[in-house]
Amino acid sequence: MTRLVLPTFLQGQVTLEPPFSSLKQKIVQDETNIHHWDALFKAFQDKVDEDYDPKHPEKITDELKKSIHATFETLLLRFPYLSEHWRLWLVLEYKINGVESSIKVLEDSVQNHPFSLELWVDYISALISQYESAKSREKLQLIRAQYSRAIDLIGHQFSSHPLWDKVLDFEASIDPSSSEILHVYKQVTQIPLYQYAQYYKQFVEINKSFQVAELLDQDQLEHYVAKFGKTSLKELSLIEKHQIIDDYTYATFLKTQQAVNIKWAFESSITIHNFDLKTEKDTLASELTSWKTYLDHEIKQYELESNGAATIKPIISLFERCLIPHCLNSSIWLKYLAFLNKVTPEESKLEAMKPVYLRAITKFIPLNENFIRFNYARFLVSRNKFDEANDFLVDFIKFCSGSGSNATCYMKQPYIESVRSILQLWEKHLSNDSFTSLCIQIIEEYFTSRNEKKRVLDSQSEEEDIATKSFKTKLLQLINNEGVCLVVKFYLEHTGYSEDNVPKLREFYNKYSQEIAFKTSVFFWRYFMEFEGISQRDFANFETVFYYVRTQTQLPKLVIDSFVDLAYDIVCANFSEIFPSNSNLDTLLISKGSETSNSLLENQSARRTLANQNHSIKRGDDLRSSKQNISPVNKEEELLKITHKHIGSPGIFIESTPDITNKIMNEGDMIDLTDPRLTVPPYPSFKNVEKASLPIHYPNDN
């Protein structure tokens, strides 16, 4: 849910000199255009290079330092996988604040982008440089702790040899026969890497300097001892021990070589390894196919081998590699989570999957792709974390409603989806009666507060538990017209059409049908049309509902046309009951074509609806009603006059349009083409032709 929050100086609170001011304005206008950010970074870089003087560091002002820091921090908080921008920040930070600050940037970079090979190599290199300038036990322990973490995170990447080289060179400089360097070689020679042969050759040169018991585990030693016909390791000669070391090392090499050859078929088809905002979507999509094929192969191999948790690391590493260039693609995150769900023991699933979910939904997945967010809520419920799921959805509703601390606007579709998800959550959590009671309370208090301009929150049932009351209070603070329509949908679906509920449903309709919120609710009107016309077969009530739908709602014409079709089907199916009554529904059989027409001249219902809701007519009517002795105008006639003034673009009017003055077919007249007295009509004459070329006067924006 992370959004791009502009730093203070970009929001206009700090005045910047050219060229920063113009570049700042471009970013404000288009926050996600990486070219604008790069241009600003280039300007910062030029300014730092111009003012940089190791003897006079004060030339670079504190304001410039703060601006540089705020800019990088803002962009990289939103897009933490921009490794090149981390490295650019590192260079600038070194010039303006020195070595310690630049290392702090590197530390932040591997915290935020823990799967970047380049950033880890830079970070380990910086720590080693610090250690070599002033050696200490604490610094040595820090380096080993950090490179162990790096190996755990990225050591299985196919091209991670720069990291392994850095670690091996460092340990060799300290003690080439240490247990630490042996431990590193034992790891690297068993991982299928691009430079696997290099590490085999290096290890062969030093492996005899270690004891055989240090190289092999107990099971392997027992196998070789038995192979030489001995009963214990002590009975082996030095030559036999060396033979064991050579055989073990070569066997490891062959196994690694075979794995490398298999992987190379997939690795060779992948060309994009880093994330940026400049790569074309089509290019990423084509590579994504290769990644998915690669992942499917590795998962299948894991399932065939099934050697336990140790073999999961390479697949996790491959997923994380894939997610660097494709971090904005929810399908890969979902594939990753599905794999973790399949291979992780039940008791460990929350610990393993929750961080992945949170990383995806808070940092990467766009706000218009929310399936994974609602899937996270369902995952929490499946782990018996109902309260966490509820809090997450409430926070997301708050964010989408525009009232959250980081929210900047109302996002309708995510808001509706999140309200639906939280209602589904409580629907499963409560009994049917409790959930229905909760819904009707939310509906009543929402409309009461709207109509009385205040929140009425003191009518909770004493039977409600604290959690339900808290949920209702929070939702009432965040709900709007779209949200309450969803609550009504759940309420009506749970109430049903049973005979016991008929009075309750009609009371509900009479009480709330005039509310503005329902003027755009398709479900509300379809529900009551089907309730009266199909379930209850009360055609008087059905006619009332249908008339209101056609003349008073703000539904799209296509929706109203579908309601006309529904009403037509109901009338046809019940014609014998409707026809003897005084109902006007039977006219629908004749006027169905007019009721669905796009012409305002033919479609009387559409004309009446638009006339009642046209703001120009309403404003004129209000002005006339404020004056005495002025009779109201016919709204439908006014609408037709306004429509006639349109020139093909709604909202743009001209006073007069060209028209024919000697029409041969006036309204209601017909021409009989079989009449022998029929003569050739004169050429048409026109009026207002000269006004057609006059400049258009567009509506005043004010």
Foldseek 3Di string as FASTA:
>chain_A
DDDQDADPVLVPPDDDDPPLVVLSVVCVVPVPDVVSLVVNLVVLVVVLVVQQDVVCLVSCPPVSVVVLVRSLVRVCQQVLQPVVSLVSSLVSCCRNPNLVRSLVSLVVSCVSQVQDLVSLLVNLVSLVVVCVVPPDPVSVVVSVVSLVSSCLQHVQPQASVSSLVSVLVSVVVVPNLDLVNLVSLLVLCQHQHPPNVVSLVVCLVCVLVDFLPSNDPPVLVCVLCVVVVHDDPVPDDSVSRVVSSVVVSVVSNVVSVVVNVVCCVLVVLDDDQAADPPDDPVVLVVNVVSLVVSLVVLLVVCVVVVPPDVSCSSSLSSLSRNCRHVLQPVVSLVVSLVSLVVRPDPVCSCVPRVVSLCCNPHHHHDLVDCPSVLVVLVVCVVVVNNVVSLVSLLQQLCQQLQNDPSHHHHDPPSNLVSLLSNLVSVPVVDDLVVSLVLLVVLLVQLVVCVVVVHGDLPPDDPPDDPVSSVSSVSCSVRDDLSSNLSSVVSNDVSQDLDPVCVVVVVVVCVVPVPPLSCLARLVVLVVVLCSCLPVVVPVVVNLVSLLCNLAPGPYDLVSNLVVLVVLLVSCVVCVVPPVVDPDPSVCSVVLNCLCSDPDCVRNVSNLNNCLVVPPVLVVVQVVQVVDPPRDRDDSSVVVVQQVQQDPPDPQWGDPDDKDWDDDPDDPPDDDDPVDPVDDDDDDTDIPPPVVVPDDTDGDDPD
